[in-house]
């Protein structure tokens, strides 16, 4: 999956979910968010925690070796290594921050 596609997945998930009152999920298939249907690319998992004013999203492809991170407080994209075949890193909360991750 190209960096551009991963960015789109994280951005759409994070922005649409931040409008709900509280949301936590691991999205792997079609999901109704904010009245519309969202579906990540094949074999992509997005872990998201969102409240009315904060969100954190981490995504990754099962064949990829990276987890991608974004949040409302620092909407740049960051990555860290993961084992190929494993799920992306989990999200601990809507205000979680990361350190030691590389900027895309």
N, C-alpha and C. Protein backbone atom coordinates (compact mmCIF):
# COMPACT_ATOMS: atom_id res chain seq x y z
N UNK A 1 0.85 -1.17 0.00
CA UNK A 1 0.00 0.00 0.00
C UNK A 1 0.90 1.23 0.00
N UNK A 2 0.58 2.17 -0.85
CA UNK A 2 1.38 3.39 -0.97
C UNK A 2 1.15 4.30 0.22
N UNK A 3 2.15 5.13 0.52
CA UNK A 3 2.03 6.09 1.62
C UNK A 3 0.80 6.96 1.46
N UNK A 4 0.50 7.35 0.22
CA UNK A 4 -0.64 8.21 -0.06
C UNK A 4 -1.95 7.50 0.33
N UNK A 5 -2.06 6.20 0.04
CA UNK A 5 -3.27 5.45 0.38
C UNK A 5 -3.41 5.28 1.88
N UNK A 6 -2.32 5.02 2.59
CA UNK A 6 -2.38 4.89 4.04
C UNK A 6 -2.79 6.22 4.65
N UNK A 7 -2.27 7.33 4.12
CA UNK A 7 -2.65 8.64 4.61
C UNK A 7 -4.16 8.83 4.46
N UNK A 8 -4.71 8.48 3.29
CA UNK A 8 -6.14 8.64 3.07
C UNK A 8 -6.95 7.82 4.08
N UNK A 9 -6.54 6.59 4.32
CA UNK A 9 -7.24 5.72 5.26
C UNK A 9 -7.23 6.34 6.66
N UNK A 10 -6.06 6.74 7.13
CA UNK A 10 -5.97 7.34 8.47
C UNK A 10 -6.76 8.64 8.54
N UNK A 11 -6.63 9.48 7.53
CA UNK A 11 -7.31 10.77 7.55
C UNK A 11 -8.82 10.61 7.58
N UNK A 12 -9.36 9.80 6.69
CA UNK A 12 -10.81 9.61 6.65
C UNK A 12 -11.33 9.04 7.95
N UNK A 13 -10.67 8.03 8.46
CA UNK A 13 -11.11 7.41 9.71
C UNK A 13 -11.05 8.39 10.87
N UNK A 14 -9.95 9.09 10.99
CA UNK A 14 -9.77 9.99 12.12
C UNK A 14 -10.73 11.17 12.07
N UNK A 15 -10.89 11.78 10.92
CA UNK A 15 -11.75 12.95 10.82
C UNK A 15 -13.21 12.59 11.01
N UNK A 16 -13.66 11.53 10.38
CA UNK A 16 -15.07 11.19 10.51
C UNK A 16 -15.42 10.70 11.89
N UNK A 17 -14.52 10.02 12.54
CA UNK A 17 -14.81 9.52 13.87
C UNK A 17 -14.70 10.58 14.94
N UNK A 18 -13.96 11.62 14.69
CA UNK A 18 -13.81 12.65 15.70
C UNK A 18 -15.11 13.42 15.92
N UNK A 19 -16.07 13.27 15.03
CA UNK A 19 -17.35 13.97 15.17
C UNK A 19 -18.31 13.24 16.11
N UNK A 20 -18.01 12.01 16.47
CA UNK A 20 -18.90 11.27 17.37
C UNK A 20 -18.57 11.60 18.81
N UNK A 21 -19.46 11.23 19.73
CA UNK A 21 -19.22 11.55 21.13
C UNK A 21 -18.10 10.71 21.72
N UNK A 22 -18.02 9.46 21.39
CA UNK A 22 -16.93 8.60 21.83
C UNK A 22 -16.90 7.39 20.90
N UNK A 23 -15.71 6.99 20.49
CA UNK A 23 -15.60 5.91 19.53
C UNK A 23 -14.26 5.22 19.74
N UNK A 24 -14.29 3.91 19.81
CA UNK A 24 -13.07 3.12 19.86
C UNK A 24 -13.31 1.87 19.04
N UNK A 25 -12.41 1.58 18.13
CA UNK A 25 -12.63 0.41 17.27
C UNK A 25 -11.37 0.00 16.56
N UNK A 26 -11.39 -1.23 16.13
CA UNK A 26 -10.43 -1.75 15.17
C UNK A 26 -11.23 -2.00 13.91
N UNK A 27 -11.04 -1.20 12.90
CA UNK A 27 -11.85 -1.28 11.69
C UNK A 27 -11.13 -2.13 10.66
N UNK A 28 -11.79 -3.18 10.20
CA UNK A 28 -11.22 -4.04 9.17
C UNK A 28 -12.18 -4.26 8.01
N UNK A 29 -13.43 -3.85 8.15
CA UNK A 29 -14.42 -4.03 7.08
C UNK A 29 -15.36 -2.84 7.08
N UNK A 30 -16.40 -2.88 6.26
CA UNK A 30 -17.35 -1.76 6.15
C UNK A 30 -17.94 -1.40 7.50
N UNK A 31 -17.95 -0.11 7.80
CA UNK A 31 -18.46 0.40 9.06
C UNK A 31 -19.23 1.68 8.78
N UNK A 32 -20.36 1.86 9.46
CA UNK A 32 -21.12 3.10 9.31
C UNK A 32 -20.56 4.11 10.30
N UNK A 33 -20.11 5.25 9.78
CA UNK A 33 -19.54 6.31 10.58
C UNK A 33 -20.19 7.62 10.18
N UNK A 34 -20.80 8.30 11.11
CA UNK A 34 -21.40 9.60 10.82
C UNK A 34 -22.45 9.55 9.72
N UNK A 35 -23.18 8.46 9.61
CA UNK A 35 -24.24 8.35 8.62
C UNK A 35 -23.79 7.83 7.27
N UNK A 36 -22.50 7.62 7.08
CA UNK A 36 -21.98 7.10 5.81
C UNK A 36 -21.22 5.81 6.04
N UNK A 37 -21.02 5.06 4.98
CA UNK A 37 -20.29 3.80 5.08
C UNK A 37 -18.83 4.03 4.70
N UNK A 38 -17.94 3.55 5.54
CA UNK A 38 -16.50 3.65 5.30
C UNK A 38 -15.94 2.23 5.27
N UNK A 39 -15.04 1.97 4.34
CA UNK A 39 -14.43 0.65 4.24
C UNK A 39 -12.94 0.82 3.94
N UNK A 40 -12.06 0.32 4.83
CA UNK A 40 -10.62 0.43 4.54
C UNK A 40 -10.23 -0.50 3.40
N UNK A 41 -9.08 -0.26 2.84
CA UNK A 41 -8.56 -1.13 1.79
C UNK A 41 -8.42 -2.56 2.29
N UNK A 42 -8.38 -3.50 1.36
CA UNK A 42 -8.24 -4.91 1.70
C UNK A 42 -6.99 -5.15 2.55
N UNK A 43 -7.14 -5.88 3.63
CA UNK A 43 -6.06 -6.27 4.54
C UNK A 43 -5.48 -5.11 5.35
N UNK A 44 -6.20 -3.98 5.41
CA UNK A 44 -5.79 -2.83 6.22
C UNK A 44 -6.63 -2.81 7.48
N UNK A 45 -5.99 -2.60 8.62
CA UNK A 45 -6.68 -2.44 9.90
C UNK A 45 -6.40 -1.04 10.41
N UNK A 46 -7.44 -0.39 10.91
CA UNK A 46 -7.29 0.93 11.51
C UNK A 46 -7.75 0.83 12.96
N UNK A 47 -6.90 1.17 13.89
CA UNK A 47 -7.25 1.24 15.31
C UNK A 47 -7.46 2.70 15.65
N UNK A 48 -8.64 3.03 16.18
CA UNK A 48 -9.01 4.42 16.43
C UNK A 48 -9.67 4.55 17.78
N UNK A 49 -9.34 5.64 18.47
CA UNK A 49 -10.09 6.08 19.64
C UNK A 49 -10.36 7.56 19.41
N UNK A 50 -11.64 7.96 19.52
CA UNK A 50 -12.02 9.35 19.27
C UNK A 50 -13.07 9.79 20.27
N UNK A 51 -13.02 11.06 20.63
CA UNK A 51 -14.05 11.71 21.44
C UNK A 51 -14.54 12.91 20.64
N UNK A 52 -15.36 13.75 21.25
CA UNK A 52 -15.87 14.92 20.53
C UNK A 52 -14.77 15.92 20.19
N UNK A 53 -13.64 15.88 20.89
CA UNK A 53 -12.60 16.87 20.63
C UNK A 53 -11.19 16.31 20.48
N UNK A 54 -11.05 15.01 20.35
CA UNK A 54 -9.72 14.42 20.19
C UNK A 54 -9.81 13.07 19.48
N UNK A 55 -8.75 12.74 18.75
CA UNK A 55 -8.67 11.41 18.14
C UNK A 55 -7.23 10.98 17.97
N UNK A 56 -7.03 9.67 17.94
CA UNK A 56 -5.77 9.05 17.58
C UNK A 56 -6.11 7.88 16.67
N UNK A 57 -5.38 7.74 15.56
CA UNK A 57 -5.59 6.62 14.65
C UNK A 57 -4.25 5.99 14.29
N UNK A 58 -4.23 4.67 14.28
CA UNK A 58 -3.06 3.92 13.85
C UNK A 58 -3.54 2.89 12.84
N UNK A 59 -2.82 2.76 11.73
CA UNK A 59 -3.25 1.81 10.70
C UNK A 59 -2.05 1.04 10.18
N UNK A 60 -2.36 -0.07 9.54
CA UNK A 60 -1.32 -0.87 8.93
C UNK A 60 -1.90 -1.94 8.03
N UNK A 61 -1.13 -2.35 7.05
CA UNK A 61 -1.51 -3.41 6.12
C UNK A 61 -0.90 -4.71 6.62
N UNK A 62 -1.65 -5.81 6.51
CA UNK A 62 -1.14 -7.08 7.04
C UNK A 62 0.14 -7.54 6.33
N UNK A 63 0.36 -7.12 5.09
CA UNK A 63 1.58 -7.48 4.38
C UNK A 63 2.68 -6.44 4.53
N UNK A 64 2.38 -5.36 5.25
CA UNK A 64 3.35 -4.29 5.42
C UNK A 64 4.17 -4.43 6.68
N UNK A 65 5.20 -3.61 6.79
CA UNK A 65 6.09 -3.66 7.95
C UNK A 65 6.06 -2.37 8.75
N UNK A 66 4.96 -1.57 8.61
CA UNK A 66 4.85 -0.30 9.33
C UNK A 66 3.46 -0.11 9.94
N UNK A 67 3.44 0.56 11.07
CA UNK A 67 2.21 1.12 11.63
C UNK A 67 2.30 2.62 11.41
N UNK A 68 1.21 3.22 10.92
CA UNK A 68 1.14 4.65 10.66
C UNK A 68 0.26 5.28 11.73
N UNK A 69 0.68 6.45 12.25
CA UNK A 69 0.00 7.15 13.35
C UNK A 69 -0.35 8.57 12.94
N UNK A 70 -1.52 9.05 13.39
CA UNK A 70 -1.89 10.46 13.29
C UNK A 70 -2.83 10.80 14.44
N UNK A 71 -2.93 12.08 14.76
CA UNK A 71 -3.83 12.53 15.82
C UNK A 71 -4.28 13.95 15.54
N UNK A 72 -5.28 14.40 16.28
CA UNK A 72 -5.76 15.77 16.08
C UNK A 72 -4.76 16.80 16.61
N UNK A 73 -3.95 16.46 17.60
CA UNK A 73 -3.00 17.43 18.15
C UNK A 73 -1.73 17.54 17.30
N UNK A 74 -1.43 16.52 16.52
CA UNK A 74 -0.26 16.53 15.64
C UNK A 74 -0.63 15.74 14.38
N UNK A 75 -1.32 16.38 13.43
CA UNK A 75 -1.87 15.64 12.30
C UNK A 75 -0.86 15.19 11.24
N UNK A 76 0.43 15.38 11.51
CA UNK A 76 1.43 14.79 10.61
C UNK A 76 1.31 13.27 10.70
N UNK A 77 1.89 12.59 9.74
CA UNK A 77 1.92 11.13 9.76
C UNK A 77 3.27 10.66 10.28
N UNK A 78 3.23 9.67 11.16
CA UNK A 78 4.43 9.06 11.72
C UNK A 78 4.35 7.56 11.48
N UNK A 79 5.50 6.89 11.48
CA UNK A 79 5.50 5.44 11.35
C UNK A 79 6.51 4.81 12.30
N UNK A 80 6.24 3.53 12.57
CA UNK A 80 7.18 2.70 13.30
C UNK A 80 7.10 1.30 12.70
N UNK A 81 8.12 0.52 12.88
CA UNK A 81 8.16 -0.83 12.32
C UNK A 81 7.20 -1.76 13.05
N UNK A 82 6.68 -2.73 12.31
CA UNK A 82 5.90 -3.82 12.87
C UNK A 82 6.26 -5.09 12.12
N UNK A 83 5.96 -6.22 12.68
CA UNK A 83 6.23 -7.49 12.01
C UNK A 83 5.24 -7.68 10.87
N UNK A 84 5.73 -8.13 9.72
CA UNK A 84 4.84 -8.42 8.60
C UNK A 84 3.86 -9.50 9.04
N UNK A 85 2.60 -9.29 8.75
CA UNK A 85 1.56 -10.23 9.14
C UNK A 85 0.88 -9.87 10.45
N UNK A 86 1.44 -8.94 11.19
CA UNK A 86 0.84 -8.55 12.47
C UNK A 86 -0.06 -7.34 12.29
N UNK A 87 -0.92 -7.12 13.27
CA UNK A 87 -1.82 -5.97 13.27
C UNK A 87 -1.03 -4.72 13.63
N UNK A 88 -1.57 -3.54 13.27
CA UNK A 88 -0.91 -2.30 13.68
C UNK A 88 -0.99 -2.13 15.19
N UNK A 89 -0.17 -1.24 15.73
CA UNK A 89 -0.16 -0.98 17.16
C UNK A 89 -1.54 -0.54 17.63
N UNK A 90 -1.88 -0.86 18.86
CA UNK A 90 -3.16 -0.46 19.42
C UNK A 90 -3.10 0.99 19.89
N UNK A 91 -4.28 1.56 20.11
CA UNK A 91 -4.40 2.94 20.59
C UNK A 91 -4.88 2.89 22.02
N UNK A 92 -4.19 3.61 22.91
CA UNK A 92 -4.56 3.58 24.33
C UNK A 92 -5.59 4.64 24.69
N UNK A 93 -5.71 5.69 23.90
CA UNK A 93 -6.69 6.73 24.20
C UNK A 93 -6.66 7.83 23.17
N UNK A 94 -7.68 8.69 23.19
CA UNK A 94 -7.82 9.75 22.19
C UNK A 94 -6.80 10.86 22.34
N UNK A 95 -6.04 10.86 23.44
CA UNK A 95 -5.01 11.87 23.64
C UNK A 95 -3.61 11.27 23.67
N UNK A 96 -3.48 10.02 23.26
CA UNK A 96 -2.19 9.34 23.22
C UNK A 96 -1.21 10.09 22.32
N UNK A 97 0.05 10.12 22.71
CA UNK A 97 1.11 10.67 21.87
C UNK A 97 2.15 9.59 21.65
N UNK A 98 2.99 9.77 20.66
CA UNK A 98 4.06 8.82 20.40
C UNK A 98 5.39 9.54 20.44
N UNK A 99 6.42 8.82 20.79
CA UNK A 99 7.77 9.35 20.72
C UNK A 99 8.66 8.29 20.10
N UNK A 100 9.66 8.72 19.38
CA UNK A 100 10.56 7.79 18.73
C UNK A 100 10.06 7.28 17.39
N UNK A 101 8.90 7.74 16.93
CA UNK A 101 8.37 7.35 15.63
C UNK A 101 8.97 8.27 14.57
N UNK A 102 9.05 7.82 13.33
CA UNK A 102 9.64 8.58 12.24
C UNK A 102 8.55 9.33 11.47
N UNK A 103 8.82 10.59 11.12
CA UNK A 103 7.88 11.38 10.33
C UNK A 103 7.90 10.90 8.88
N UNK A 104 6.71 10.78 8.28
CA UNK A 104 6.64 10.43 6.85
C UNK A 104 6.93 11.66 6.03
